[in-house]
Amino acid sequence: MQEFLSFFETLPILYKALWIGGLITFFWILENLFSFYKKPYKKWKHATTNFLLLVLVLIVNSVFGLLLISVYQFTAQHQFGLLYLIDIPTWAKLILSILVLDFISQYFVHFLLHKVKWMWRLHITHHTDKHVDVTTGTRHHPLDFMIRETFALLTVILMGMPISFYLFYRMLTVPFTYFNHADIKLPLWFDKMLSYAIVSPNMHKFHHHYQLPWTDSNYGNVLSVWDRIFGTFVYENPEDIQYGLDSADHTDDEDFLFQLKAPFKTKQIKSLD
């Protein structure tokens, strides 16, 4: 078990990049074969904006990676965190850490990004995308991503978890992120069945609907259980979904510079007034 976890601690950056690039390519191909979204759009132009935002996100991720090392050194030196207080096998500690990370650093922070006004200003860049596909999974304002990473670090401190636990979870979230954003149409019965355990493509599509209340639902990224427990789960007719944001009905969703400025564009985005 320890050898397996150590693999993620020493995983070269190139392998991580190949993991991300390979998954984006895989779901990109599936989108062309089993598309849900029927409106034509310039897929490469759309992807360029989202990939440019990904570059900024990766820079933020690198900075927080250095902070993660310092956090781990602190918790290990002071034996600080929940995992130091309980005597259970390593595999059980890993599962517990994954559950807590998925709840705090994915579901809970995502909920806050919708409910706290200043956070929503930063998160709006993710929701202005009118052509949700696999590349939308990379579409985050860098300040939005900083909030997410801060909650992840707080979770690591709370749990006192090894770096390997956190890195394993981060690698695990990548395919889920691209899977539930991908423009793919699964058989309805199969998608519904998946949504009882994980966030399925249809389930997350409702979250990207342009109007409330669907926009404020389905906050999960990996597990759907949190939405079901806290009453934020929605599953209606996926054919009624329309992407974008009614409070930001502009044509600049593919303008990289505009999206960086979007949190501060109170005149163009009504919900920021």
C-alpha atoms as a PDB file:
ATOM      1  CA  MET A   1       0.000   0.000   0.000  1.00  0.00           C
ATOM      2  CA  GLN A   2       2.768   2.402   0.933  1.00  0.00           C
ATOM      3  CA  GLU A   3       4.595   1.657  -2.318  1.00  0.00           C
ATOM      4  CA  PHE A   4       1.418   2.447  -4.240  1.00  0.00           C
ATOM      5  CA  LEU A   5       0.999   5.787  -2.445  1.00  0.00           C
ATOM      6  CA  SER A   6       4.673   6.695  -2.817  1.00  0.00           C
ATOM      7  CA  PHE A   7       4.205   6.395  -6.587  1.00  0.00           C
ATOM      8  CA  PHE A   8       2.035   9.537  -6.531  1.00  0.00           C
ATOM      9  CA  GLU A   9       4.557  11.480  -4.460  1.00  0.00           C
ATOM     10  CA  THR A  10       7.316  10.892  -6.999  1.00  0.00           C
ATOM     11  CA  LEU A  11       5.193  11.072 -10.153  1.00  0.00           C
ATOM     12  CA  PRO A  12       7.037  13.275 -12.698  1.00  0.00           C
ATOM     13  CA  ILE A  13       5.297  16.439 -13.906  1.00  0.00           C
ATOM     14  CA  LEU A  14       5.470  15.088 -17.463  1.00  0.00           C
ATOM     15  CA  TYR A  15       3.332  12.095 -16.465  1.00  0.00           C
ATOM     16  CA  LYS A  16       0.780  14.388 -14.849  1.00  0.00           C
ATOM     17  CA  ALA A  17       0.650  16.505 -18.010  1.00  0.00           C
ATOM     18  CA  LEU A  18       0.195  13.370 -20.128  1.00  0.00           C
ATOM     19  CA  TRP A  19      -2.599  12.242 -17.792  1.00  0.00           C
ATOM     20  CA  ILE A  20      -4.444  15.528 -18.286  1.00  0.00           C
ATOM     21  CA  GLY A  21      -3.742  15.765 -22.008  1.00  0.00           C
ATOM     22  CA  GLY A  22      -4.625  12.134 -22.626  1.00  0.00           C
ATOM     23  CA  LEU A  23      -7.970  12.405 -20.829  1.00  0.00           C
ATOM     24  CA  ILE A  24      -8.916  15.623 -22.633  1.00  0.00           C
ATOM     25  CA  THR A  25      -8.072  13.935 -25.952  1.00  0.00           C
ATOM     26  CA  PHE A  26     -10.048  10.811 -25.036  1.00  0.00           C
ATOM     27  CA  PHE A  27     -13.215  12.705 -24.126  1.00  0.00           C
ATOM     28  CA  TRP A  28     -12.749  15.078 -27.094  1.00  0.00           C
ATOM     29  CA  ILE A  29     -12.928  12.035 -29.388  1.00  0.00           C
ATOM     30  CA  LEU A  30     -15.987  10.697 -27.556  1.00  0.00           C
ATOM     31  CA  GLU A  31     -17.684  14.091 -27.961  1.00  0.00           C
ATOM     32  CA  ASN A  32     -17.333  13.807 -31.714  1.00  0.00           C
ATOM     33  CA  LEU A  33     -18.896  10.339 -31.661  1.00  0.00           C
ATOM     34  CA  PHE A  34     -21.659  10.753 -29.072  1.00  0.00           C
ATOM     35  CA  SER A  35     -22.433  14.470 -28.878  1.00  0.00           C
ATOM     36  CA  PHE A  36     -25.198  15.792 -26.620  1.00  0.00           C
ATOM     37  CA  TYR A  37     -24.941  19.437 -27.679  1.00  0.00           C
ATOM     38  CA  LYS A  38     -26.489  19.861 -31.124  1.00  0.00           C
ATOM     39  CA  LYS A  39     -25.733  23.526 -31.817  1.00  0.00           C
ATOM     40  CA  PRO A  40     -22.666  24.026 -34.042  1.00  0.00           C
ATOM     41  CA  TYR A  41     -19.768  26.019 -32.636  1.00  0.00           C
ATOM     42  CA  LYS A  42     -16.090  26.538 -33.394  1.00  0.00           C
ATOM     43  CA  LYS A  43     -14.670  23.884 -31.121  1.00  0.00           C
ATOM     44  CA  TRP A  44     -11.000  24.886 -31.413  1.00  0.00           C
ATOM     45  CA  LYS A  45     -11.702  28.591 -30.860  1.00  0.00           C
ATOM     46  CA  HIS A  46     -13.799  27.697 -27.831  1.00  0.00           C
ATOM     47  CA  ALA A  47     -11.073  25.388 -26.523  1.00  0.00           C
ATOM     48  CA  THR A  48      -8.359  28.032 -26.920  1.00  0.00           C
ATOM     49  CA  THR A  49      -9.987  30.313 -24.336  1.00  0.00           C
ATOM     50  CA  ASN A  50     -10.393  27.460 -21.881  1.00  0.00           C
ATOM     51  CA  PHE A  51      -6.836  26.204 -22.413  1.00  0.00           C
ATOM     52  CA  LEU A  52      -5.417  29.680 -21.793  1.00  0.00           C
ATOM     53  CA  LEU A  53      -7.281  29.748 -18.493  1.00  0.00           C
ATOM     54  CA  LEU A  54      -5.866  26.284 -17.786  1.00  0.00           C
ATOM     55  CA  VAL A  55      -2.328  27.678 -18.110  1.00  0.00           C
ATOM     56  CA  LEU A  56      -3.070  30.227 -15.364  1.00  0.00           C
ATOM     57  CA  VAL A  57      -4.681  27.536 -13.232  1.00  0.00           C
ATOM     58  CA  LEU A  58      -1.576  25.351 -13.550  1.00  0.00           C
ATOM     59  CA  ILE A  59       0.598  28.255 -12.376  1.00  0.00           C
ATOM     60  CA  VAL A  60      -1.636  28.704  -9.334  1.00  0.00           C
ATOM     61  CA  ASN A  61      -1.505  24.949  -8.777  1.00  0.00           C
ATOM     62  CA  SER A  62       2.309  25.017  -8.805  1.00  0.00           C
ATOM     63  CA  VAL A  63       2.439  27.743  -6.151  1.00  0.00           C
ATOM     64  CA  PHE A  64       0.025  25.861  -3.916  1.00  0.00           C
ATOM     65  CA  GLY A  65       2.076  22.713  -4.504  1.00  0.00           C
ATOM     66  CA  LEU A  66       4.966  24.403  -2.695  1.00  0.00           C
ATOM     67  CA  LEU A  67       2.619  25.452   0.108  1.00  0.00           C
ATOM     68  CA  LEU A  68       1.422  21.851   0.343  1.00  0.00           C
ATOM     69  CA  ILE A  69       4.950  20.687   1.168  1.00  0.00           C
ATOM     70  CA  SER A  70       5.209  23.235   3.994  1.00  0.00           C
ATOM     71  CA  VAL A  71       1.790  22.252   5.314  1.00  0.00           C
ATOM     72  CA  TYR A  72       2.732  18.569   5.331  1.00  0.00           C
ATOM     73  CA  GLN A  73       6.001  19.266   7.120  1.00  0.00           C
ATOM     74  CA  PHE A  74       4.080  21.171   9.817  1.00  0.00           C
ATOM     75  CA  THR A  75       1.433  18.495  10.368  1.00  0.00           C
ATOM     76  CA  ALA A  76       4.021  15.685  10.373  1.00  0.00           C
ATOM     77  CA  GLN A  77       6.329  17.490  12.796  1.00  0.00           C
ATOM     78  CA  HIS A  78       3.554  18.347  15.242  1.00  0.00           C
ATOM     79  CA  GLN A  79       1.495  15.163  14.676  1.00  0.00           C
ATOM     80  CA  PHE A  80      -1.420  17.469  13.936  1.00  0.00           C
ATOM     81  CA  GLY A  81      -4.660  16.315  12.358  1.00  0.00           C
ATOM     82  CA  LEU A  82      -7.508  13.862  12.667  1.00  0.00           C
ATOM     83  CA  LEU A  83      -5.577  10.957  11.138  1.00  0.00           C
ATOM     84  CA  TYR A  84      -3.073  11.080  13.994  1.00  0.00           C
ATOM     85  CA  LEU A  85      -5.892  10.596  16.500  1.00  0.00           C
ATOM     86  CA  ILE A  86      -7.408   7.444  15.053  1.00  0.00           C
ATOM     87  CA  ASP A  87      -5.877   3.977  14.841  1.00  0.00           C
ATOM     88  CA  ILE A  88      -7.127   2.458  11.591  1.00  0.00           C
ATOM     89  CA  PRO A  89      -5.342   0.814   8.631  1.00  0.00           C
ATOM     90  CA  THR A  90      -3.705   3.004   5.980  1.00  0.00           C
ATOM     91  CA  TRP A  91      -6.296   2.049   3.360  1.00  0.00           C
ATOM     92  CA  ALA A  92      -9.079   3.184   5.692  1.00  0.00           C
ATOM     93  CA  LYS A  93      -7.286   6.485   6.334  1.00  0.00           C
ATOM     94  CA  LEU A  94      -6.986   6.956   2.564  1.00  0.00           C
ATOM     95  CA  ILE A  95     -10.691   6.355   1.992  1.00  0.00           C
ATOM     96  CA  LEU A  96     -11.616   8.705   4.836  1.00  0.00           C
ATOM     97  CA  SER A  97      -9.296  11.372   3.423  1.00  0.00           C
ATOM     98  CA  ILE A  98     -10.840  11.017  -0.034  1.00  0.00           C
ATOM     99  CA  LEU A  99     -14.336  11.435   1.410  1.00  0.00           C
ATOM    100  CA  VAL A 100     -13.377  14.529   3.421  1.00  0.00           C
ATOM    101  CA  LEU A 101     -11.464  16.051   0.489  1.00  0.00           C
ATOM    102  CA  ASP A 102     -14.387  15.435  -1.842  1.00  0.00           C
ATOM    103  CA  PHE A 103     -16.796  17.060   0.577  1.00  0.00           C
ATOM    104  CA  ILE A 104     -14.776  20.114   1.679  1.00  0.00           C
ATOM    105  CA  SER A 105     -12.521  20.887  -1.291  1.00  0.00           C
ATOM    106  CA  GLN A 106     -15.100  20.070  -3.966  1.00  0.00           C
ATOM    107  CA  TYR A 107     -18.722  20.118  -2.810  1.00  0.00           C
ATOM    108  CA  PHE A 108     -18.595  22.623   0.073  1.00  0.00           C
ATOM    109  CA  VAL A 109     -16.313  25.186  -1.556  1.00  0.00           C
ATOM    110  CA  HIS A 110     -18.355  24.939  -4.764  1.00  0.00           C
ATOM    111  CA  PHE A 111     -21.495  25.626  -2.743  1.00  0.00           C
ATOM    112  CA  LEU A 112     -19.829  28.714  -1.254  1.00  0.00           C
ATOM    113  CA  LEU A 113     -18.720  29.897  -4.698  1.00  0.00           C
ATOM    114  CA  HIS A 114     -22.397  30.113  -5.617  1.00  0.00           C
ATOM    115  CA  LYS A 115     -23.769  31.486  -2.368  1.00  0.00           C
ATOM    116  CA  VAL A 116     -21.172  34.060  -1.258  1.00  0.00           C
ATOM    117  CA  LYS A 117     -21.463  37.072  -3.536  1.00  0.00           C
ATOM    118  CA  TRP A 118     -17.777  37.971  -3.828  1.00  0.00           C
ATOM    119  CA  MET A 119     -16.911  34.347  -4.493  1.00  0.00           C
ATOM    120  CA  TRP A 120     -19.628  34.106  -7.143  1.00  0.00           C
ATOM    121  CA  ARG A 121     -18.034  37.054  -8.948  1.00  0.00           C
ATOM    122  CA  LEU A 122     -14.906  34.928  -9.391  1.00  0.00           C
ATOM    123  CA  HIS A 123     -16.762  31.724 -10.244  1.00  0.00           C
ATOM    124  CA  ILE A 124     -18.881  33.335 -12.941  1.00  0.00           C
ATOM    125  CA  THR A 125     -16.156  32.790 -15.553  1.00  0.00           C
ATOM    126  CA  HIS A 126     -16.820  29.055 -15.338  1.00  0.00           C
ATOM    127  CA  HIS A 127     -20.538  29.527 -15.938  1.00  0.00           C
ATOM    128  CA  THR A 128     -20.459  31.979 -18.845  1.00  0.00           C
ATOM    129  CA  ASP A 129     -19.402  29.156 -21.171  1.00  0.00           C
ATOM    130  CA  LYS A 130     -22.197  28.690 -23.713  1.00  0.00           C
ATOM    131  CA  HIS A 131     -20.747  25.509 -25.207  1.00  0.00           C
ATOM    132  CA  VAL A 132     -19.986  23.224 -22.276  1.00  0.00           C
ATOM    133  CA  ASP A 133     -17.630  20.433 -23.283  1.00  0.00           C
ATOM    134  CA  VAL A 134     -14.559  18.623 -21.961  1.00  0.00           C
ATOM    135  CA  THR A 135     -12.451  21.813 -22.089  1.00  0.00           C
ATOM    136  CA  THR A 136     -14.926  23.570 -19.775  1.00  0.00           C
ATOM    137  CA  GLY A 137     -13.449  21.421 -17.020  1.00  0.00           C
ATOM    138  CA  THR A 138     -10.299  23.534 -17.364  1.00  0.00           C
ATOM    139  CA  ARG A 139     -12.184  26.860 -17.400  1.00  0.00           C
ATOM    140  CA  HIS A 140     -11.619  28.602 -14.056  1.00  0.00           C
ATOM    141  CA  HIS A 141     -10.677  32.125 -13.171  1.00  0.00           C
ATOM    142  CA  PRO A 142      -7.271  31.952 -11.403  1.00  0.00           C
ATOM    143  CA  LEU A 143      -8.710  33.692  -8.317  1.00  0.00           C
ATOM    144  CA  ASP A 144     -11.550  31.170  -8.249  1.00  0.00           C
ATOM    145  CA  PHE A 145      -8.976  28.373  -8.331  1.00  0.00           C
ATOM    146  CA  MET A 146      -7.005  29.991  -5.501  1.00  0.00           C
ATOM    147  CA  ILE A 147     -10.089  29.716  -3.298  1.00  0.00           C
ATOM    148  CA  ARG A 148     -10.483  26.051  -4.189  1.00  0.00           C
ATOM    149  CA  GLU A 149      -6.824  25.337  -3.460  1.00  0.00           C
ATOM    150  CA  THR A 150      -7.028  27.177  -0.134  1.00  0.00           C
ATOM    151  CA  PHE A 151      -9.877  24.931   0.988  1.00  0.00           C
ATOM    152  CA  ALA A 152      -7.903  21.894  -0.159  1.00  0.00           C
ATOM    153  CA  LEU A 153      -4.914  22.960   1.944  1.00  0.00           C
ATOM    154  CA  LEU A 154      -7.162  23.552   4.959  1.00  0.00           C
ATOM    155  CA  THR A 155      -8.508  20.033   4.511  1.00  0.00           C
ATOM    156  CA  VAL A 156      -4.977  18.613   4.454  1.00  0.00           C
ATOM    157  CA  ILE A 157      -4.253  20.456   7.714  1.00  0.00           C
ATOM    158  CA  LEU A 158      -7.510  19.336   9.323  1.00  0.00           C
ATOM    159  CA  MET A 159      -6.859  15.702   8.460  1.00  0.00           C
ATOM    160  CA  GLY A 160      -3.068  15.763   8.864  1.00  0.00           C
ATOM    161  CA  MET A 161      -2.908  13.662   5.725  1.00  0.00           C
ATOM    162  CA  PRO A 162       0.257  12.630   3.883  1.00  0.00           C
ATOM    163  CA  ILE A 163       1.014  14.358   0.582  1.00  0.00           C
ATOM    164  CA  SER A 164       0.487  11.037  -1.194  1.00  0.00           C
ATOM    165  CA  PHE A 165      -3.174  10.938  -0.090  1.00  0.00           C
ATOM    166  CA  TYR A 166      -3.810  14.392  -1.483  1.00  0.00           C
ATOM    167  CA  LEU A 167      -1.941  13.786  -4.748  1.00  0.00           C
ATOM    168  CA  PHE A 168      -3.786  10.509  -5.275  1.00  0.00           C
ATOM    169  CA  TYR A 169      -7.106  12.282  -4.838  1.00  0.00           C
ATOM    170  CA  ARG A 170      -6.092  15.071  -7.244  1.00  0.00           C
ATOM    171  CA  MET A 171      -5.185  12.543  -9.925  1.00  0.00           C
ATOM    172  CA  LEU A 172      -8.476  10.777  -9.257  1.00  0.00           C
ATOM    173  CA  THR A 173     -10.532  13.941  -9.776  1.00  0.00           C
ATOM    174  CA  VAL A 174      -9.108  14.664 -13.233  1.00  0.00           C
ATOM    175  CA  PRO A 175     -11.064  11.990 -15.179  1.00  0.00           C
ATOM    176  CA  PHE A 176     -14.234  12.816 -13.239  1.00  0.00           C
ATOM    177  CA  THR A 177     -13.902  16.525 -14.047  1.00  0.00           C
ATOM    178  CA  TYR A 178     -13.544  15.898 -17.767  1.00  0.00           C
ATOM    179  CA  PHE A 179     -16.143  13.123 -17.787  1.00  0.00           C
ATOM    180  CA  ASN A 180     -18.910  15.188 -16.198  1.00  0.00           C
ATOM    181  CA  HIS A 181     -18.171  18.246 -18.372  1.00  0.00           C
ATOM    182  CA  ALA A 182     -17.778  16.291 -21.613  1.00  0.00           C
ATOM    183  CA  ASP A 183     -20.337  16.881 -24.347  1.00  0.00           C
ATOM    184  CA  ILE A 184     -21.404  13.253 -24.470  1.00  0.00           C
ATOM    185  CA  LYS A 185     -24.850  11.717 -24.475  1.00  0.00           C
ATOM    186  CA  LEU A 186     -25.177   8.501 -22.516  1.00  0.00           C
ATOM    187  CA  PRO A 187     -28.352   6.373 -22.518  1.00  0.00           C
ATOM    188  CA  LEU A 188     -30.673   8.081 -20.051  1.00  0.00           C
ATOM    189  CA  TRP A 189     -31.120   4.979 -17.899  1.00  0.00           C
ATOM    190  CA  PHE A 190     -27.342   4.527 -17.651  1.00  0.00           C
ATOM    191  CA  ASP A 191     -26.672   8.171 -16.802  1.00  0.00           C
ATOM    192  CA  LYS A 192     -29.348   8.092 -14.084  1.00  0.00           C
ATOM    193  CA  MET A 193     -27.894   4.897 -12.662  1.00  0.00           C
ATOM    194  CA  LEU A 194     -24.419   6.482 -12.513  1.00  0.00           C
ATOM    195  CA  SER A 195     -25.837   9.548 -10.758  1.00  0.00           C
ATOM    196  CA  TYR A 196     -26.705   7.453  -7.700  1.00  0.00           C
ATOM    197  CA  ALA A 197     -22.981   7.035  -7.009  1.00  0.00           C
ATOM    198  CA  ILE A 198     -20.979   9.602  -8.990  1.00  0.00           C
ATOM    199  CA  VAL A 199     -21.556  12.883 -10.804  1.00  0.00           C
ATOM    200  CA  SER A 200     -22.741  11.834 -14.247  1.00  0.00           C
ATOM    201  CA  PRO A 201     -22.576  14.008 -17.401  1.00  0.00           C
ATOM    202  CA  ASN A 202     -26.300  14.812 -17.356  1.00  0.00           C
ATOM    203  CA  MET A 203     -26.231  15.551 -13.656  1.00  0.00           C
ATOM    204  CA  HIS A 204     -23.539  18.177 -14.110  1.00  0.00           C
ATOM    205  CA  LYS A 205     -25.176  19.596 -17.257  1.00  0.00           C
ATOM    206  CA  PHE A 206     -28.067  20.814 -15.083  1.00  0.00           C
ATOM    207  CA  HIS A 207     -25.535  22.773 -13.036  1.00  0.00           C
ATOM    208  CA  HIS A 208     -24.521  24.628 -16.219  1.00  0.00           C
ATOM    209  CA  HIS A 209     -28.103  25.533 -17.151  1.00  0.00           C
ATOM    210  CA  TYR A 210     -28.403  29.274 -17.732  1.00  0.00           C
ATOM    211  CA  GLN A 211     -31.096  29.895 -15.096  1.00  0.00           C
ATOM    212  CA  LEU A 212     -31.807  29.258 -11.441  1.00  0.00           C
ATOM    213  CA  PRO A 213     -32.638  27.035  -9.642  1.00  0.00           C
ATOM    214  CA  TRP A 214     -30.707  24.468 -11.695  1.00  0.00           C
ATOM    215  CA  THR A 215     -27.549  26.610 -11.668  1.00  0.00           C
ATOM    216  CA  ASP A 216     -27.504  26.355  -7.866  1.00  0.00           C
ATOM    217  CA  SER A 217     -27.621  22.556  -7.755  1.00  0.00           C
ATOM    218  CA  ASN A 218     -25.425  19.497  -8.312  1.00  0.00           C
ATOM    219  CA  TYR A 219     -22.250  20.952  -6.790  1.00  0.00           C
ATOM    220  CA  GLY A 220     -20.373  17.649  -6.537  1.00  0.00           C
ATOM    221  CA  ASN A 221     -17.406  16.661  -8.667  1.00  0.00           C
ATOM    222  CA  VAL A 222     -16.774  12.993  -7.912  1.00  0.00           C
ATOM    223  CA  LEU A 223     -19.436  11.677  -5.519  1.00  0.00           C
ATOM    224  CA  SER A 224     -23.114  12.580  -5.904  1.00  0.00           C
ATOM    225  CA  VAL A 225     -23.930  11.608  -2.320  1.00  0.00           C
ATOM    226  CA  TRP A 226     -23.289  15.125  -0.970  1.00  0.00           C
ATOM    227  CA  ASP A 227     -25.926  16.667  -3.237  1.00  0.00           C
ATOM    228  CA  ARG A 228     -28.406  13.991  -2.233  1.00  0.00           C
ATOM    229  CA  ILE A 229     -27.712  14.400   1.495  1.00  0.00           C
ATOM    230  CA  PHE A 230     -27.943  18.212   1.483  1.00  0.00           C
ATOM    231  CA  GLY A 231     -30.890  18.524  -0.888  1.00  0.00           C
ATOM    232  CA  THR A 232     -29.023  20.129  -3.800  1.00  0.00           C
ATOM    233  CA  PHE A 233     -29.516  17.220  -6.208  1.00  0.00           C
ATOM    234  CA  VAL A 234     -31.476  17.859  -9.423  1.00  0.00           C
ATOM    235  CA  TYR A 235     -32.292  15.518 -12.289  1.00  0.00           C
ATOM    236  CA  GLU A 236     -34.965  16.570 -14.749  1.00  0.00           C
ATOM    237  CA  ASN A 237     -35.223  16.421 -18.553  1.00  0.00           C
ATOM    238  CA  PRO A 238     -31.722  17.014 -19.970  1.00  0.00           C
ATOM    239  CA  GLU A 239     -33.213  18.221 -23.257  1.00  0.00           C
ATOM    240  CA  ASP A 240     -34.354  21.383 -21.424  1.00  0.00           C
ATOM    241  CA  ILE A 241     -30.792  22.420 -20.594  1.00  0.00           C
ATOM    242  CA  GLN A 242     -29.463  25.641 -22.086  1.00  0.00           C
ATOM    243  CA  TYR A 243     -25.876  26.613 -21.336  1.00  0.00           C
ATOM    244  CA  GLY A 244     -24.564  30.008 -20.292  1.00  0.00           C
ATOM    245  CA  LEU A 245     -25.813  32.471 -17.717  1.00  0.00           C
ATOM    246  CA  ASP A 246     -28.930  34.621 -18.012  1.00  0.00           C
ATOM    247  CA  SER A 247     -27.299  37.397 -15.983  1.00  0.00           C
ATOM    248  CA  ALA A 248     -24.337  37.511 -18.383  1.00  0.00           C
ATOM    249  CA  ASP A 249     -25.999  37.284 -21.775  1.00  0.00           C
ATOM    250  CA  HIS A 250     -23.052  38.605 -23.749  1.00  0.00           C
ATOM    251  CA  THR A 251     -21.050  37.311 -26.695  1.00  0.00           C
ATOM    252  CA  ASP A 252     -17.689  37.413 -24.932  1.00  0.00           C
ATOM    253  CA  ASP A 253     -17.702  33.911 -23.495  1.00  0.00           C
ATOM    254  CA  GLU A 254     -14.794  33.003 -25.803  1.00  0.00           C
ATOM    255  CA  ASP A 255     -12.805  36.196 -25.130  1.00  0.00           C
ATOM    256  CA  PHE A 256      -9.923  35.251 -22.829  1.00  0.00           C
ATOM    257  CA  LEU A 257      -9.172  38.772 -21.605  1.00  0.00           C
ATOM    258  CA  PHE A 258     -12.846  39.521 -21.020  1.00  0.00           C
ATOM    259  CA  GLN A 259     -13.180  36.395 -18.913  1.00  0.00           C
ATOM    260  CA  LEU A 260     -10.257  37.480 -16.734  1.00  0.00           C
ATOM    261  CA  LYS A 261     -12.049  40.799 -16.213  1.00  0.00           C
ATOM    262  CA  ALA A 262     -15.509  39.227 -15.865  1.00  0.00           C
ATOM    263  CA  PRO A 263     -15.622  39.324 -12.029  1.00  0.00           C
ATOM    264  CA  PHE A 264     -15.306  43.090 -12.189  1.00  0.00           C
ATOM    265  CA  LYS A 265     -17.628  43.760 -15.166  1.00  0.00           C
ATOM    266  CA  THR A 266     -20.647  44.922 -13.129  1.00  0.00           C
ATOM    267  CA  LYS A 267     -22.269  46.707 -16.075  1.00  0.00           C
ATOM    268  CA  GLN A 268     -22.161  43.732 -18.428  1.00  0.00           C
ATOM    269  CA  ILE A 269     -23.055  41.113 -15.802  1.00  0.00           C
ATOM    270  CA  LYS A 270     -26.279  41.927 -13.984  1.00  0.00           C
ATOM    271  CA  SER A 271     -25.761  39.558 -11.072  1.00  0.00           C
ATOM    272  CA  LEU A 272     -22.671  41.539 -10.027  1.00  0.00           C
ATOM    273  CA  ASP A 273     -24.612  44.778  -9.490  1.00  0.00           C
END
